Amino acid sequence: MKNLDEIISAVKVGELIGGKKEPEENKVLKKVLWVLAIIGAVAAIAGIAFAVYKYLTPSFLDDFDDDFDDDFDDDFFEEEEPLEIKPEA
């Protein structure tokens, strides 16, 4: 029983000093998952911000611009009467 207690305490001390060693694959996998999670969170926030912007932006400005362009074009293309030149007497 004394030997078993010594082995258990040695294992506990070894775990405290060295800690549990994770395989290198798990460390790389965790880093990749964190990077993808951060990118996904940023993309989700950007998507929400764009949706809110589109929802809150008034759409009547586009209609106003179209109406203004039509009236503006008509002023330049009206036909004018030709000028008559009178001979000097």
N, C-alpha and C. Protein backbone atom coordinates (compact mmCIF):
# COMPACT_ATOMS: atom_id res chain seq x y z
N MET A 1 0.82 -1.18 0.00
CA MET A 1 0.00 0.00 0.00
C MET A 1 0.87 1.24 0.00
N LYS A 2 2.03 1.14 0.69
CA LYS A 2 2.93 2.29 0.76
C LYS A 2 3.48 2.62 -0.62
N ASN A 3 3.81 1.62 -1.40
CA ASN A 3 4.35 1.82 -2.74
C ASN A 3 3.29 2.44 -3.66
N LEU A 4 2.05 2.02 -3.52
CA LEU A 4 0.97 2.56 -4.34
C LEU A 4 0.75 4.03 -4.03
N ASP A 5 0.80 4.40 -2.77
CA ASP A 5 0.64 5.81 -2.40
C ASP A 5 1.79 6.67 -2.95
N GLU A 6 2.99 6.13 -2.94
CA GLU A 6 4.14 6.85 -3.47
C GLU A 6 4.00 7.05 -4.99
N ILE A 7 3.51 6.06 -5.68
CA ILE A 7 3.34 6.15 -7.13
C ILE A 7 2.27 7.19 -7.47
N ILE A 8 1.17 7.16 -6.71
CA ILE A 8 0.09 8.12 -6.96
C ILE A 8 0.56 9.54 -6.70
N SER A 9 1.29 9.76 -5.61
CA SER A 9 1.79 11.11 -5.34
C SER A 9 2.84 11.53 -6.37
N ALA A 10 3.62 10.63 -6.88
CA ALA A 10 4.60 10.97 -7.91
C ALA A 10 3.89 11.38 -9.20
N VAL A 11 2.84 10.69 -9.52
CA VAL A 11 2.08 11.02 -10.72
C VAL A 11 1.43 12.40 -10.57
N LYS A 12 0.88 12.69 -9.39
CA LYS A 12 0.26 14.00 -9.15
C LYS A 12 1.28 15.11 -9.23
N VAL A 13 2.46 14.90 -8.67
CA VAL A 13 3.52 15.92 -8.73
C VAL A 13 3.96 16.10 -10.17
N GLY A 14 4.06 15.05 -10.93
CA GLY A 14 4.46 15.13 -12.33
C GLY A 14 3.43 15.90 -13.16
N GLU A 15 2.16 15.68 -12.86
CA GLU A 15 1.12 16.43 -13.59
C GLU A 15 1.16 17.90 -13.24
N LEU A 16 1.44 18.23 -11.98
CA LEU A 16 1.51 19.63 -11.58
C LEU A 16 2.69 20.33 -12.23
N ILE A 17 3.80 19.65 -12.30
CA ILE A 17 5.01 20.27 -12.86
C ILE A 17 4.92 20.34 -14.38
N GLY A 18 4.64 19.25 -15.03
CA GLY A 18 4.67 19.19 -16.49
C GLY A 18 3.34 19.45 -17.14
N GLY A 19 2.29 19.24 -16.44
CA GLY A 19 0.97 19.39 -17.03
C GLY A 19 0.71 18.28 -18.04
N LYS A 20 -0.50 18.22 -18.50
CA LYS A 20 -0.83 17.22 -19.51
C LYS A 20 -0.40 17.75 -20.86
N LYS A 21 0.27 16.94 -21.58
CA LYS A 21 0.75 17.33 -22.90
C LYS A 21 -0.33 17.02 -23.93
N GLU A 22 -0.71 18.06 -24.68
CA GLU A 22 -1.66 17.85 -25.76
C GLU A 22 -0.88 17.58 -27.03
N PRO A 23 -1.42 16.76 -27.89
CA PRO A 23 -0.75 16.54 -29.17
C PRO A 23 -0.70 17.84 -29.97
N GLU A 24 0.29 17.96 -30.80
CA GLU A 24 0.49 19.18 -31.60
C GLU A 24 -0.69 19.42 -32.55
N GLU A 25 -1.33 18.37 -33.01
CA GLU A 25 -2.46 18.51 -33.93
C GLU A 25 -3.62 19.25 -33.27
N ASN A 26 -3.87 18.96 -32.00
CA ASN A 26 -4.97 19.62 -31.30
C ASN A 26 -4.70 21.10 -31.13
N LYS A 27 -3.48 21.49 -30.90
CA LYS A 27 -3.15 22.91 -30.74
C LYS A 27 -3.38 23.67 -32.04
N VAL A 28 -2.96 23.09 -33.14
CA VAL A 28 -3.13 23.73 -34.45
C VAL A 28 -4.62 23.81 -34.79
N LEU A 29 -5.34 22.74 -34.51
CA LEU A 29 -6.77 22.70 -34.79
C LEU A 29 -7.51 23.76 -33.98
N LYS A 30 -7.14 23.92 -32.73
CA LYS A 30 -7.79 24.93 -31.89
C LYS A 30 -7.51 26.34 -32.41
N LYS A 31 -6.29 26.61 -32.84
CA LYS A 31 -5.95 27.92 -33.39
C LYS A 31 -6.74 28.20 -34.66
N VAL A 32 -6.85 27.22 -35.53
CA VAL A 32 -7.60 27.39 -36.78
C VAL A 32 -9.07 27.65 -36.47
N LEU A 33 -9.63 26.92 -35.51
CA LEU A 33 -11.03 27.12 -35.15
C LEU A 33 -11.26 28.51 -34.56
N TRP A 34 -10.33 29.00 -33.76
CA TRP A 34 -10.47 30.36 -33.20
C TRP A 34 -10.43 31.41 -34.30
N VAL A 35 -9.52 31.25 -35.25
CA VAL A 35 -9.42 32.20 -36.35
C VAL A 35 -10.70 32.20 -37.18
N LEU A 36 -11.22 31.01 -37.48
CA LEU A 36 -12.46 30.93 -38.25
C LEU A 36 -13.65 31.49 -37.48
N ALA A 37 -13.67 31.30 -36.16
CA ALA A 37 -14.75 31.85 -35.35
C ALA A 37 -14.71 33.37 -35.34
N ILE A 38 -13.53 33.95 -35.28
CA ILE A 38 -13.38 35.41 -35.29
C ILE A 38 -13.81 35.96 -36.65
N ILE A 39 -13.38 35.32 -37.73
CA ILE A 39 -13.77 35.77 -39.07
C ILE A 39 -15.28 35.66 -39.25
N GLY A 40 -15.87 34.59 -38.77
CA GLY A 40 -17.32 34.43 -38.86
C GLY A 40 -18.07 35.49 -38.08
N ALA A 41 -17.56 35.83 -36.88
CA ALA A 41 -18.22 36.86 -36.07
C ALA A 41 -18.15 38.22 -36.75
N VAL A 42 -17.00 38.55 -37.32
CA VAL A 42 -16.85 39.83 -38.02
C VAL A 42 -17.77 39.88 -39.24
N ALA A 43 -17.86 38.78 -39.97
CA ALA A 43 -18.74 38.73 -41.15
C ALA A 43 -20.21 38.87 -40.74
N ALA A 44 -20.59 38.25 -39.64
CA ALA A 44 -21.97 38.35 -39.18
C ALA A 44 -22.31 39.78 -38.77
N ILE A 45 -21.40 40.43 -38.07
CA ILE A 45 -21.63 41.82 -37.65
C ILE A 45 -21.72 42.73 -38.87
N ALA A 46 -20.86 42.51 -39.85
CA ALA A 46 -20.90 43.33 -41.08
C ALA A 46 -22.21 43.11 -41.83
N GLY A 47 -22.68 41.88 -41.89
CA GLY A 47 -23.95 41.59 -42.56
C GLY A 47 -25.13 42.25 -41.87
N ILE A 48 -25.14 42.21 -40.56
CA ILE A 48 -26.21 42.85 -39.80
C ILE A 48 -26.17 44.36 -40.00
N ALA A 49 -24.98 44.94 -39.97
CA ALA A 49 -24.86 46.39 -40.16
C ALA A 49 -25.35 46.79 -41.56
N PHE A 50 -25.03 46.01 -42.58
CA PHE A 50 -25.48 46.31 -43.93
C PHE A 50 -26.99 46.21 -44.04
N ALA A 51 -27.58 45.18 -43.41
CA ALA A 51 -29.03 45.01 -43.46
C ALA A 51 -29.74 46.17 -42.77
N VAL A 52 -29.22 46.61 -41.64
CA VAL A 52 -29.81 47.75 -40.94
C VAL A 52 -29.69 49.01 -41.78
N TYR A 53 -28.55 49.22 -42.41
CA TYR A 53 -28.33 50.39 -43.26
C TYR A 53 -29.34 50.40 -44.42
N LYS A 54 -29.50 49.26 -45.09
CA LYS A 54 -30.43 49.19 -46.22
C LYS A 54 -31.87 49.40 -45.76
N TYR A 55 -32.20 48.93 -44.57
CA TYR A 55 -33.55 49.07 -44.06
C TYR A 55 -33.85 50.52 -43.70
N LEU A 56 -32.87 51.23 -43.16
CA LEU A 56 -33.09 52.59 -42.69
C LEU A 56 -32.88 53.66 -43.75
N THR A 57 -32.25 53.32 -44.87
CA THR A 57 -32.01 54.29 -45.93
C THR A 57 -33.30 54.54 -46.69
N PRO A 58 -33.72 55.80 -46.82
CA PRO A 58 -34.97 56.08 -47.54
C PRO A 58 -34.81 55.80 -49.04
N SER A 59 -35.83 55.28 -49.65
CA SER A 59 -35.76 54.94 -51.07
C SER A 59 -36.37 56.03 -51.95
N PHE A 60 -36.97 57.05 -51.37
CA PHE A 60 -37.60 58.10 -52.18
C PHE A 60 -36.57 59.00 -52.86
N LEU A 61 -35.32 58.95 -52.46
CA LEU A 61 -34.30 59.78 -53.10
C LEU A 61 -34.06 59.33 -54.54
N ASP A 62 -34.14 58.04 -54.81
CA ASP A 62 -33.96 57.55 -56.18
C ASP A 62 -35.07 58.06 -57.08
N ASP A 63 -36.29 58.09 -56.59
CA ASP A 63 -37.41 58.58 -57.39
C ASP A 63 -37.25 60.06 -57.70
N PHE A 64 -36.78 60.82 -56.74
CA PHE A 64 -36.59 62.25 -56.93
C PHE A 64 -35.55 62.53 -58.01
N ASP A 65 -34.45 61.80 -58.01
CA ASP A 65 -33.40 62.00 -59.01
C ASP A 65 -33.91 61.70 -60.41
N ASP A 66 -34.72 60.66 -60.57
CA ASP A 66 -35.24 60.32 -61.89
C ASP A 66 -36.16 61.41 -62.42
N ASP A 67 -37.01 61.95 -61.58
CA ASP A 67 -37.92 63.01 -62.02
C ASP A 67 -37.15 64.27 -62.40
N PHE A 68 -36.14 64.60 -61.66
CA PHE A 68 -35.35 65.80 -61.93
C PHE A 68 -34.62 65.69 -63.26
N ASP A 69 -34.07 64.52 -63.56
CA ASP A 69 -33.36 64.33 -64.81
C ASP A 69 -34.29 64.52 -66.01
N ASP A 70 -35.52 64.06 -65.95
CA ASP A 70 -36.45 64.19 -67.06
C ASP A 70 -36.76 65.65 -67.35
N ASP A 71 -37.02 66.44 -66.32
CA ASP A 71 -37.32 67.85 -66.52
C ASP A 71 -36.11 68.62 -67.02
N PHE A 72 -34.96 68.25 -66.58
CA PHE A 72 -33.74 68.96 -66.94
C PHE A 72 -33.40 68.75 -68.41
N ASP A 73 -33.63 67.56 -68.93
CA ASP A 73 -33.31 67.25 -70.33
C ASP A 73 -34.22 68.00 -71.29
N ASP A 74 -35.46 68.24 -70.91
CA ASP A 74 -36.41 68.90 -71.81
C ASP A 74 -36.01 70.34 -72.12
N ASP A 75 -35.37 71.02 -71.23
CA ASP A 75 -35.01 72.43 -71.43
C ASP A 75 -34.02 72.62 -72.57
N PHE A 76 -33.12 71.70 -72.78
CA PHE A 76 -32.09 71.86 -73.78
C PHE A 76 -32.54 71.48 -75.19
N PHE A 77 -33.59 70.71 -75.31
CA PHE A 77 -33.96 70.19 -76.61
C PHE A 77 -35.22 70.84 -77.18
N GLU A 78 -35.63 71.97 -76.68
CA GLU A 78 -36.78 72.65 -77.25
C GLU A 78 -36.34 73.32 -78.56
N GLU A 79 -37.24 73.30 -79.52
CA GLU A 79 -36.91 73.91 -80.82
C GLU A 79 -37.10 75.41 -80.73
N GLU A 80 -36.16 76.11 -81.32
CA GLU A 80 -36.24 77.57 -81.33
C GLU A 80 -36.56 78.03 -82.76
N GLU A 81 -37.20 79.17 -82.86
CA GLU A 81 -37.50 79.72 -84.18
C GLU A 81 -36.22 80.29 -84.78
N PRO A 82 -36.05 80.10 -86.09
CA PRO A 82 -34.83 80.64 -86.72
C PRO A 82 -34.86 82.17 -86.70
N LEU A 83 -33.70 82.75 -86.60
CA LEU A 83 -33.59 84.22 -86.60
C LEU A 83 -33.74 84.75 -88.02
N GLU A 84 -34.50 85.80 -88.16
CA GLU A 84 -34.68 86.42 -89.49
C GLU A 84 -33.71 87.60 -89.60
N ILE A 85 -33.02 87.63 -90.72
CA ILE A 85 -32.08 88.73 -90.95
C ILE A 85 -32.78 89.73 -91.89
N LYS A 86 -32.91 90.94 -91.43
CA LYS A 86 -33.56 91.99 -92.24
C LYS A 86 -32.48 92.77 -93.00
N PRO A 87 -32.72 92.98 -94.30
CA PRO A 87 -31.74 93.77 -95.06
C PRO A 87 -31.79 95.25 -94.65
N GLU A 88 -30.65 95.87 -94.65
CA GLU A 88 -30.60 97.28 -94.28
C GLU A 88 -30.95 98.12 -95.50
N ALA A 89 -31.75 99.08 -95.35
CA ALA A 89 -32.17 99.88 -96.49
C ALA A 89 -31.64 101.28 -96.43
